């Protein structure tokens, strides 16, 4: 994990160095932000996701893992239901 974080930082530094102060994409929604903020925003979002994952783990770590196979329908019923959903989706695509 430390190696991945180090590579992530090195990649950011390389992009900052190679970009020479600008990103070669036309993105008017973020044009007012600095190049650093344009690069940092996706990483900040990923950090937020990892924090939410950790929080979810901490909140649910005492829960028993549910037996999903016990709640699944028998095979013939599952095939009928899956076929029905696929037919419904195809008809919805044709009918608009």
PDB file of N, CA and C in Angstrom:
ATOM      1  N   UNK A   1       0.815  -1.178   0.000  1.00  0.00           N
ATOM      2  CA  UNK A   1       0.000   0.000   0.000  1.00  0.00           C
ATOM      3  C   UNK A   1       0.869   1.255   0.000  1.00  0.00           C
ATOM      4  N   UNK A   2       1.955   1.215   0.724  1.00  0.00           N
ATOM      5  CA  UNK A   2       2.853   2.368   0.739  1.00  0.00           C
ATOM      6  C   UNK A   2       3.494   2.571  -0.632  1.00  0.00           C
ATOM      7  N   UNK A   3       3.786   1.470  -1.308  1.00  0.00           N
ATOM      8  CA  UNK A   3       4.364   1.588  -2.651  1.00  0.00           C
ATOM      9  C   UNK A   3       3.367   2.229  -3.604  1.00  0.00           C
ATOM     10  N   UNK A   4       2.103   1.854  -3.500  1.00  0.00           N
ATOM     11  CA  UNK A   4       1.075   2.444  -4.359  1.00  0.00           C
ATOM     12  C   UNK A   4       0.925   3.934  -4.070  1.00  0.00           C
ATOM     13  N   UNK A   5       0.940   4.306  -2.791  1.00  0.00           N
ATOM     14  CA  UNK A   5       0.833   5.723  -2.431  1.00  0.00           C
ATOM     15  C   UNK A   5       2.042   6.493  -2.946  1.00  0.00           C
ATOM     16  N   UNK A   6       3.224   5.905  -2.828  1.00  0.00           N
ATOM     17  CA  UNK A   6       4.437   6.573  -3.326  1.00  0.00           C
ATOM     18  C   UNK A   6       4.373   6.740  -4.845  1.00  0.00           C
ATOM     19  N   UNK A   7       3.933   5.713  -5.547  1.00  0.00           N
ATOM     20  CA  UNK A   7       3.804   5.812  -7.003  1.00  0.00           C
ATOM     21  C   UNK A   7       2.762   6.849  -7.398  1.00  0.00           C
ATOM     22  N   UNK A   8       1.678   6.933  -6.626  1.00  0.00           N
ATOM     23  CA  UNK A   8       0.635   7.924  -6.890  1.00  0.00           C
ATOM     24  C   UNK A   8       1.221   9.336  -6.768  1.00  0.00           C
ATOM     25  N   UNK A   9       1.999   9.570  -5.730  1.00  0.00           N
ATOM     26  CA  UNK A   9       2.617  10.883  -5.520  1.00  0.00           C
ATOM     27  C   UNK A   9       3.622  11.188  -6.624  1.00  0.00           C
ATOM     28  N   UNK A  10       4.421  10.205  -6.997  1.00  0.00           N
ATOM     29  CA  UNK A  10       5.400  10.402  -8.073  1.00  0.00           C
ATOM     30  C   UNK A  10       4.679  10.711  -9.385  1.00  0.00           C
ATOM     31  N   UNK A  11       3.574  10.021  -9.646  1.00  0.00           N
ATOM     32  CA  UNK A  11       2.815  10.283 -10.872  1.00  0.00           C
ATOM     33  C   UNK A  11       2.255  11.700 -10.868  1.00  0.00           C
ATOM     34  N   UNK A  12       1.746  12.148  -9.733  1.00  0.00           N
ATOM     35  CA  UNK A  12       1.243  13.519  -9.635  1.00  0.00           C
ATOM     36  C   UNK A  12       2.345  14.528  -9.899  1.00  0.00           C
ATOM     37  N   UNK A  13       3.483  14.304  -9.277  1.00  0.00           N
ATOM     38  CA  UNK A  13       4.606  15.230  -9.481  1.00  0.00           C
ATOM     39  C   UNK A  13       5.047  15.229 -10.944  1.00  0.00           C
ATOM     40  N   UNK A  14       5.048  14.069 -11.576  1.00  0.00           N
ATOM     41  CA  UNK A  14       5.431  13.987 -12.989  1.00  0.00           C
ATOM     42  C   UNK A  14       4.422  14.746 -13.858  1.00  0.00           C
ATOM     43  N   UNK A  15       3.145  14.604 -13.561  1.00  0.00           N
ATOM     44  CA  UNK A  15       2.131  15.324 -14.337  1.00  0.00           C
ATOM     45  C   UNK A  15       2.282  16.824 -14.140  1.00  0.00           C
ATOM     46  N   UNK A  16       2.488  17.258 -12.901  1.00  0.00           N
ATOM     47  CA  UNK A  16       2.674  18.684 -12.639  1.00  0.00           C
ATOM     48  C   UNK A  16       3.895  19.229 -13.379  1.00  0.00           C
ATOM     49  N   UNK A  17       4.954  18.440 -13.419  1.00  0.00           N
ATOM     50  CA  UNK A  17       6.181  18.873 -14.083  1.00  0.00           C
ATOM     51  C   UNK A  17       6.000  18.875 -15.605  1.00  0.00           C
ATOM     52  N   UNK A  18       5.396  17.812 -16.151  1.00  0.00           N
ATOM     53  CA  UNK A  18       5.238  17.693 -17.595  1.00  0.00           C
ATOM     54  C   UNK A  18       4.147  18.618 -18.147  1.00  0.00           C
ATOM     55  N   UNK A  19       3.140  18.942 -17.343  1.00  0.00           N
ATOM     56  CA  UNK A  19       2.027  19.749 -17.832  1.00  0.00           C
ATOM     57  C   UNK A  19       2.417  21.205 -18.031  1.00  0.00           C
ATOM     58  N   UNK A  20       3.445  21.650 -17.375  1.00  0.00           N
ATOM     59  CA  UNK A  20       3.938  23.026 -17.518  1.00  0.00           C
ATOM     60  C   UNK A  20       2.848  24.052 -17.212  1.00  0.00           C
ATOM     61  N   UNK A  21       2.085  23.791 -16.148  1.00  0.00           N
ATOM     62  CA  UNK A  21       1.117  24.771 -15.692  1.00  0.00           C
ATOM     63  C   UNK A  21      -0.258  24.715 -16.329  1.00  0.00           C
ATOM     64  N   UNK A  22      -0.501  23.784 -17.235  1.00  0.00           N
ATOM     65  CA  UNK A  22      -1.832  23.685 -17.836  1.00  0.00           C
ATOM     66  C   UNK A  22      -2.095  22.250 -18.275  1.00  0.00           C
ATOM     67  N   UNK A  23      -3.370  21.921 -18.310  1.00  0.00           N
ATOM     68  CA  UNK A  23      -3.789  20.598 -18.762  1.00  0.00           C
ATOM     69  C   UNK A  23      -4.360  20.763 -20.168  1.00  0.00           C
ATOM     70  N   UNK A  24      -3.959  19.930 -21.116  1.00  0.00           N
ATOM     71  CA  UNK A  24      -4.365  20.141 -22.519  1.00  0.00           C
ATOM     72  C   UNK A  24      -5.773  19.645 -22.852  1.00  0.00           C
ATOM     73  N   UNK A  25      -6.732  19.911 -21.970  1.00  0.00           N
ATOM     74  CA  UNK A  25      -8.110  19.510 -22.226  1.00  0.00           C
ATOM     75  C   UNK A  25      -8.994  20.737 -22.080  1.00  0.00           C
ATOM     76  N   UNK A  26     -10.024  20.815 -22.900  1.00  0.00           N
ATOM     77  CA  UNK A  26     -10.987  21.901 -22.803  1.00  0.00           C
ATOM     78  C   UNK A  26     -12.052  21.504 -21.789  1.00  0.00           C
ATOM     79  N   UNK A  27     -11.914  21.992 -20.576  1.00  0.00           N
ATOM     80  CA  UNK A  27     -12.859  21.679 -19.500  1.00  0.00           C
ATOM     81  C   UNK A  27     -13.323  22.992 -18.877  1.00  0.00           C
ATOM     82  N   UNK A  28     -14.309  23.642 -19.487  1.00  0.00           N
ATOM     83  CA  UNK A  28     -14.714  24.964 -19.010  1.00  0.00           C
ATOM     84  C   UNK A  28     -15.265  24.969 -17.587  1.00  0.00           C
ATOM     85  N   UNK A  29     -15.816  23.864 -17.129  1.00  0.00           N
ATOM     86  CA  UNK A  29     -16.393  23.836 -15.781  1.00  0.00           C
ATOM     87  C   UNK A  29     -15.338  23.989 -14.692  1.00  0.00           C
ATOM     88  N   UNK A  30     -14.099  23.588 -14.993  1.00  0.00           N
ATOM     89  CA  UNK A  30     -13.037  23.678 -13.980  1.00  0.00           C
ATOM     90  C   UNK A  30     -11.904  24.586 -14.432  1.00  0.00           C
ATOM     91  N   UNK A  31     -12.150  25.398 -15.444  1.00  0.00           N
ATOM     92  CA  UNK A  31     -11.090  26.247 -15.986  1.00  0.00           C
ATOM     93  C   UNK A  31     -10.575  27.266 -14.974  1.00  0.00           C
ATOM     94  N   UNK A  32     -11.427  27.677 -14.028  1.00  0.00           N
ATOM     95  CA  UNK A  32     -11.005  28.686 -13.067  1.00  0.00           C
ATOM     96  C   UNK A  32     -10.117  28.103 -11.969  1.00  0.00           C
ATOM     97  N   UNK A  33     -10.055  26.783 -11.841  1.00  0.00           N
ATOM     98  CA  UNK A  33      -9.237  26.155 -10.806  1.00  0.00           C
ATOM     99  C   UNK A  33      -7.804  25.982 -11.288  1.00  0.00           C
ATOM    100  N   UNK A  34      -6.882  25.958 -10.339  1.00  0.00           N
ATOM    101  CA  UNK A  34      -5.475  25.741 -10.689  1.00  0.00           C
ATOM    102  C   UNK A  34      -5.283  24.301 -11.150  1.00  0.00           C
ATOM    103  N   UNK A  35      -4.166  24.056 -11.795  1.00  0.00           N
ATOM    104  CA  UNK A  35      -3.870  22.698 -12.264  1.00  0.00           C
ATOM    105  C   UNK A  35      -3.777  21.741 -11.085  1.00  0.00           C
ATOM    106  N   UNK A  36      -3.226  22.234  -9.974  1.00  0.00           N
ATOM    107  CA  UNK A  36      -3.115  21.373  -8.798  1.00  0.00           C
ATOM    108  C   UNK A  36      -4.496  20.944  -8.311  1.00  0.00           C
ATOM    109  N   UNK A  37      -5.438  21.868  -8.242  1.00  0.00           N
ATOM    110  CA  UNK A  37      -6.786  21.529  -7.787  1.00  0.00           C
ATOM    111  C   UNK A  37      -7.501  20.616  -8.787  1.00  0.00           C
ATOM    112  N   UNK A  38      -7.260  20.828 -10.071  1.00  0.00           N
ATOM    113  CA  UNK A  38      -7.867  19.956 -11.072  1.00  0.00           C
ATOM    114  C   UNK A  38      -7.359  18.525 -10.932  1.00  0.00           C
ATOM    115  N   UNK A  39      -6.101  18.366 -10.569  1.00  0.00           N
ATOM    116  CA  UNK A  39      -5.545  17.029 -10.375  1.00  0.00           C
ATOM    117  C   UNK A  39      -5.930  16.448  -9.019  1.00  0.00           C
ATOM    118  N   UNK A  40      -6.046  17.299  -8.016  1.00  0.00           N
ATOM    119  CA  UNK A  40      -6.310  16.812  -6.662  1.00  0.00           C
ATOM    120  C   UNK A  40      -7.770  16.418  -6.450  1.00  0.00           C
ATOM    121  N   UNK A  41      -8.700  17.025  -7.168  1.00  0.00           N
ATOM    122  CA  UNK A  41     -10.126  16.764  -6.941  1.00  0.00           C
ATOM    123  C   UNK A  41     -10.495  15.281  -7.046  1.00  0.00           C
ATOM    124  N   UNK A  42     -10.065  14.548  -8.079  1.00  0.00           N
ATOM    125  CA  UNK A  42     -10.406  13.119  -8.124  1.00  0.00           C
ATOM    126  C   UNK A  42      -9.791  12.328  -6.968  1.00  0.00           C
ATOM    127  N   UNK A  43      -8.593  12.701  -6.548  1.00  0.00           N
ATOM    128  CA  UNK A  43      -7.961  12.000  -5.430  1.00  0.00           C
ATOM    129  C   UNK A  43      -8.684  12.284  -4.126  1.00  0.00           C
ATOM    130  N   UNK A  44      -9.135  13.509  -3.961  1.00  0.00           N
ATOM    131  CA  UNK A  44      -9.909  13.843  -2.761  1.00  0.00           C
ATOM    132  C   UNK A  44     -11.195  13.025  -2.738  1.00  0.00           C
ATOM    133  N   UNK A  45     -11.810  12.858  -3.886  1.00  0.00           N
ATOM    134  CA  UNK A  45     -13.017  12.042  -3.975  1.00  0.00           C
ATOM    135  C   UNK A  45     -12.716  10.590  -3.612  1.00  0.00           C
ATOM    136  N   UNK A  46     -11.582  10.063  -4.087  1.00  0.00           N
ATOM    137  CA  UNK A  46     -11.204   8.691  -3.736  1.00  0.00           C
ATOM    138  C   UNK A  46     -10.940   8.557  -2.245  1.00  0.00           C
ATOM    139  N   UNK A  47     -10.314   9.548  -1.652  1.00  0.00           N
ATOM    140  CA  UNK A  47     -10.067   9.513  -0.208  1.00  0.00           C
ATOM    141  C   UNK A  47     -11.389   9.497   0.539  1.00  0.00           C
ATOM    142  N   UNK A  48     -12.347  10.299   0.083  1.00  0.00           N
ATOM    143  CA  UNK A  48     -13.666  10.306   0.711  1.00  0.00           C
ATOM    144  C   UNK A  48     -14.320   8.931   0.620  1.00  0.00           C
ATOM    145  N   UNK A  49     -14.192   8.282  -0.531  1.00  0.00           N
ATOM    146  CA  UNK A  49     -14.776   6.949  -0.703  1.00  0.00           C
ATOM    147  C   UNK A  49     -14.124   5.951   0.251  1.00  0.00           C
ATOM    148  N   UNK A  50     -12.785   6.012   0.383  1.00  0.00           N
ATOM    149  CA  UNK A  50     -12.097   5.092   1.297  1.00  0.00           C
ATOM    150  C   UNK A  50     -12.486   5.351   2.748  1.00  0.00           C
ATOM    151  N   UNK A  51     -12.692   6.609   3.121  1.00  0.00           N
ATOM    152  CA  UNK A  51     -13.138   6.924   4.480  1.00  0.00           C
ATOM    153  C   UNK A  51     -14.538   6.347   4.706  1.00  0.00           C
ATOM    154  N   UNK A  52     -15.427   6.490   3.723  1.00  0.00           N
ATOM    155  CA  UNK A  52     -16.765   5.917   3.857  1.00  0.00           C
ATOM    156  C   UNK A  52     -16.722   4.388   3.933  1.00  0.00           C
ATOM    157  N   UNK A  53     -15.807   3.766   3.181  1.00  0.00           N
ATOM    158  CA  UNK A  53     -15.656   2.312   3.256  1.00  0.00           C
ATOM    159  C   UNK A  53     -15.189   1.891   4.647  1.00  0.00           C
ATOM    160  N   UNK A  54     -14.226   2.621   5.207  1.00  0.00           N
ATOM    161  CA  UNK A  54     -13.730   2.305   6.551  1.00  0.00           C
ATOM    162  C   UNK A  54     -14.822   2.497   7.588  1.00  0.00           C
ATOM    163  N   UNK A  55     -15.589   3.570   7.453  1.00  0.00           N
ATOM    164  CA  UNK A  55     -16.679   3.821   8.388  1.00  0.00           C
ATOM    165  C   UNK A  55     -17.737   2.718   8.300  1.00  0.00           C
ATOM    166  N   UNK A  56     -18.068   2.307   7.087  1.00  0.00           N
ATOM    167  CA  UNK A  56     -19.035   1.224   6.909  1.00  0.00           C
ATOM    168  C   UNK A  56     -18.526  -0.063   7.537  1.00  0.00           C
ATOM    169  N   UNK A  57     -17.240  -0.352   7.352  1.00  0.00           N
ATOM    170  CA  UNK A  57     -16.652  -1.547   7.957  1.00  0.00           C
ATOM    171  C   UNK A  57     -16.737  -1.480   9.481  1.00  0.00           C
ATOM    172  N   UNK A  58     -16.389  -0.322  10.041  1.00  0.00           N
ATOM    173  CA  UNK A  58     -16.418  -0.185  11.499  1.00  0.00           C
ATOM    174  C   UNK A  58     -17.838  -0.325  12.052  1.00  0.00           C
ATOM    175  N   UNK A  59     -18.811   0.206  11.339  1.00  0.00           N
ATOM    176  CA  UNK A  59     -20.192   0.143  11.823  1.00  0.00           C
ATOM    177  C   UNK A  59     -20.753  -1.272  11.704  1.00  0.00           C
ATOM    178  N   UNK A  60     -20.363  -2.008  10.672  1.00  0.00           N
ATOM    179  CA  UNK A  60     -20.984  -3.317  10.403  1.00  0.00           C
ATOM    180  C   UNK A  60     -20.086  -4.503  10.748  1.00  0.00           C
ATOM    181  N   UNK A  61     -18.969  -4.294  11.388  1.00  0.00           N
ATOM    182  CA  UNK A  61     -18.036  -5.409  11.619  1.00  0.00           C
ATOM    183  C   UNK A  61     -18.581  -6.484  12.555  1.00  0.00           C
ATOM    184  N   UNK A  62     -19.549  -6.154  13.392  1.00  0.00           N
ATOM    185  CA  UNK A  62     -20.110  -7.132  14.326  1.00  0.00           C
ATOM    186  C   UNK A  62     -21.282  -7.909  13.733  1.00  0.00           C
ATOM    187  N   UNK A  63     -21.741  -7.506  12.565  1.00  0.00           N
ATOM    188  CA  UNK A  63     -22.883  -8.179  11.945  1.00  0.00           C
ATOM    189  C   UNK A  63     -22.492  -9.564  11.438  1.00  0.00           C
ATOM    190  N   UNK A  64     -23.434 -10.464  11.505  1.00  0.00           N
ATOM    191  CA  UNK A  64     -23.226 -11.787  10.913  1.00  0.00           C
ATOM    192  C   UNK A  64     -23.396 -11.668   9.404  1.00  0.00           C
ATOM    193  N   UNK A  65     -22.557 -12.358   8.675  1.00  0.00           N
ATOM    194  CA  UNK A  65     -22.646 -12.323   7.220  1.00  0.00           C
ATOM    195  C   UNK A  65     -23.867 -13.130   6.796  1.00  0.00           C
ATOM    196  N   UNK A  66     -24.786 -12.515   6.045  1.00  0.00           N
ATOM    197  CA  UNK A  66     -26.008 -13.245   5.667  1.00  0.00           C
ATOM    198  C   UNK A  66     -25.712 -14.349   4.650  1.00  0.00           C
ATOM    199  N   UNK A  67     -26.476 -15.418   4.743  1.00  0.00           N
ATOM    200  CA  UNK A  67     -26.347 -16.532   3.804  1.00  0.00           C
ATOM    201  C   UNK A  67     -27.209 -16.229   2.585  1.00  0.00           C
ATOM    202  N   UNK A  68     -26.586 -15.656   1.565  1.00  0.00           N
ATOM    203  CA  UNK A  68     -27.330 -15.232   0.379  1.00  0.00           C
ATOM    204  C   UNK A  68     -27.905 -16.418  -0.389  1.00  0.00           C
ATOM    205  N   UNK A  69     -27.202 -17.544  -0.391  1.00  0.00           N
ATOM    206  CA  UNK A  69     -27.695 -18.699  -1.150  1.00  0.00           C
ATOM    207  C   UNK A  69     -28.965 -19.269  -0.527  1.00  0.00           C
ATOM    208  N   UNK A  70     -29.145 -19.103   0.764  1.00  0.00           N
ATOM    209  CA  UNK A  70     -30.359 -19.615   1.400  1.00  0.00           C
ATOM    210  C   UNK A  70     -31.577 -18.791   0.998  1.00  0.00           C
ATOM    211  N   UNK A  71     -31.358 -17.532   0.625  1.00  0.00           N
ATOM    212  CA  UNK A  71     -32.469 -16.657   0.254  1.00  0.00           C
ATOM    213  C   UNK A  71     -32.766 -16.692  -1.237  1.00  0.00           C
ATOM    214  N   UNK A  72     -31.934 -17.353  -2.015  1.00  0.00           N
ATOM    215  CA  UNK A  72     -32.132 -17.399  -3.469  1.00  0.00           C
ATOM    216  C   UNK A  72     -33.250 -18.378  -3.818  1.00  0.00           C
ATOM    217  N   UNK A  73     -34.028 -18.073  -4.868  1.00  0.00           N
ATOM    218  CA  UNK A  73     -35.093 -19.002  -5.267  1.00  0.00           C
ATOM    219  C   UNK A  73     -34.498 -20.245  -5.929  1.00  0.00           C
ATOM    220  N   UNK A  74     -35.347 -21.261  -6.074  1.00  0.00           N
ATOM    221  CA  UNK A  74     -34.904 -22.472  -6.767  1.00  0.00           C
ATOM    222  C   UNK A  74     -34.554 -22.131  -8.210  1.00  0.00           C
ATOM    223  N   UNK A  75     -33.745 -22.989  -8.827  1.00  0.00           N
ATOM    224  CA  UNK A  75     -33.235 -22.709 -10.171  1.00  0.00           C
ATOM    225  C   UNK A  75     -34.331 -22.477 -11.216  1.00  0.00           C
ATOM    226  N   UNK A  76     -35.364 -23.318 -11.310  1.00  0.00           N
ATOM    227  CA  UNK A  76     -36.395 -23.071 -12.338  1.00  0.00           C
ATOM    228  C   UNK A  76     -37.086 -21.707 -12.158  1.00  0.00           C
ATOM    229  N   UNK A  77     -37.375 -21.346 -10.914  1.00  0.00           N
ATOM    230  CA  UNK A  77     -38.008 -20.056 -10.659  1.00  0.00           C
ATOM    231  C   UNK A  77     -37.058 -18.916 -11.007  1.00  0.00           C
ATOM    232  N   UNK A  78     -35.780 -19.059 -10.673  1.00  0.00           N
ATOM    233  CA  UNK A  78     -34.800 -18.023 -10.988  1.00  0.00           C
ATOM    234  C   UNK A  78     -34.670 -17.842 -12.493  1.00  0.00           C
ATOM    235  N   UNK A  79     -34.684 -18.935 -13.246  1.00  0.00           N
ATOM    236  CA  UNK A  79     -34.599 -18.854 -14.708  1.00  0.00           C
ATOM    237  C   UNK A  79     -35.824 -18.144 -15.266  1.00  0.00           C
ATOM    238  N   UNK A  80     -37.026 -18.487 -14.761  1.00  0.00           N
ATOM    239  CA  UNK A  80     -38.257 -17.827 -15.212  1.00  0.00           C
ATOM    240  C   UNK A  80     -38.221 -16.329 -14.907  1.00  0.00           C
ATOM    241  N   UNK A  81     -37.808 -15.983 -13.695  1.00  0.00           N
ATOM    242  CA  UNK A  81     -37.773 -14.570 -13.315  1.00  0.00           C
ATOM    243  C   UNK A  81     -36.742 -13.795 -14.138  1.00  0.00           C
ATOM    244  N   UNK A  82     -35.570 -14.379 -14.345  1.00  0.00           N
ATOM    245  CA  UNK A  82     -34.533 -13.718 -15.134  1.00  0.00           C
ATOM    246  C   UNK A  82     -34.990 -13.541 -16.578  1.00  0.00           C
ATOM    247  N   UNK A  83     -35.590 -14.583 -17.144  1.00  0.00           N
ATOM    248  CA  UNK A  83     -36.106 -14.481 -18.513  1.00  0.00           C
ATOM    249  C   UNK A  83     -37.183 -13.402 -18.599  1.00  0.00           C
ATOM    250  N   UNK A  84     -38.056 -13.365 -17.611  1.00  0.00           N
ATOM    251  CA  UNK A  84     -39.103 -12.346 -17.596  1.00  0.00           C
ATOM    252  C   UNK A  84     -38.539 -10.933 -17.552  1.00  0.00           C
ATOM    253  N   UNK A  85     -37.528 -10.709 -16.745  1.00  0.00           N
ATOM    254  CA  UNK A  85     -36.910  -9.376 -16.661  1.00  0.00           C
ATOM    255  C   UNK A  85     -36.241  -9.019 -17.984  1.00  0.00           C
ATOM    256  N   UNK A  86     -35.553  -9.981 -18.607  1.00  0.00           N
ATOM    257  CA  UNK A  86     -34.887  -9.710 -19.884  1.00  0.00           C
ATOM    258  C   UNK A  86     -35.902  -9.430 -20.991  1.00  0.00           C
ATOM    259  N   UNK A  87     -37.002 -10.180 -21.021  1.00  0.00           N
ATOM    260  CA  UNK A  87     -38.042  -9.932 -22.017  1.00  0.00           C
ATOM    261  C   UNK A  87     -38.661  -8.555 -21.781  1.00  0.00           C
ATOM    262  N   UNK A  88     -38.928  -8.224 -20.536  1.00  0.00           N
ATOM    263  CA  UNK A  88     -39.491  -6.919 -20.203  1.00  0.00           C
ATOM    264  C   UNK A  88     -38.532  -5.794 -20.651  1.00  0.00           C
ATOM    265  N   UNK A  89     -37.252  -5.970 -20.393  1.00  0.00           N
ATOM    266  CA  UNK A  89     -36.266  -4.940 -20.796  1.00  0.00           C
ATOM    267  C   UNK A  89     -36.210  -4.814 -22.307  1.00  0.00           C
ATOM    268  N   UNK A  90     -36.241  -5.946 -23.025  1.00  0.00           N
ATOM    269  CA  UNK A  90     -36.214  -5.882 -24.501  1.00  0.00           C
ATOM    270  C   UNK A  90     -37.457  -5.197 -25.044  1.00  0.00           C
ATOM    271  N   UNK A  91     -38.612  -5.516 -24.479  1.00  0.00           N
ATOM    272  CA  UNK A  91     -39.851  -4.869 -24.931  1.00  0.00           C
ATOM    273  C   UNK A  91     -39.834  -3.372 -24.598  1.00  0.00           C
ATOM    274  N   UNK A  92     -39.276  -3.020 -23.462  1.00  0.00           N
ATOM    275  CA  UNK A  92     -39.182  -1.607 -23.098  1.00  0.00           C
ATOM    276  C   UNK A  92     -38.254  -0.861 -24.068  1.00  0.00           C
ATOM    277  N   UNK A  93     -37.195  -1.522 -24.520  1.00  0.00           N
ATOM    278  CA  UNK A  93     -36.283  -0.890 -25.488  1.00  0.00           C
ATOM    279  C   UNK A  93     -36.976  -0.709 -26.846  1.00  0.00           C
ATOM    280  N   UNK A  94     -37.753  -1.710 -27.248  1.00  0.00           N
ATOM    281  CA  UNK A  94     -38.440  -1.623 -28.538  1.00  0.00           C
ATOM    282  C   UNK A  94     -39.583  -0.607 -28.468  1.00  0.00           C
ATOM    283  N   UNK A  95     -40.350  -0.681 -27.376  1.00  0.00           N
ATOM    284  CA  UNK A  95     -41.508   0.181 -27.248  1.00  0.00           C
ATOM    285  C   UNK A  95     -41.181   1.603 -26.811  1.00  0.00           C
ATOM    286  N   UNK A  96     -40.003   1.806 -26.308  1.00  0.00           N
ATOM    287  CA  UNK A  96     -39.614   3.162 -25.903  1.00  0.00           C
ATOM    288  C   UNK A  96     -40.137   3.468 -24.569  1.00  0.00           C
TER     289      UNK A  96
END
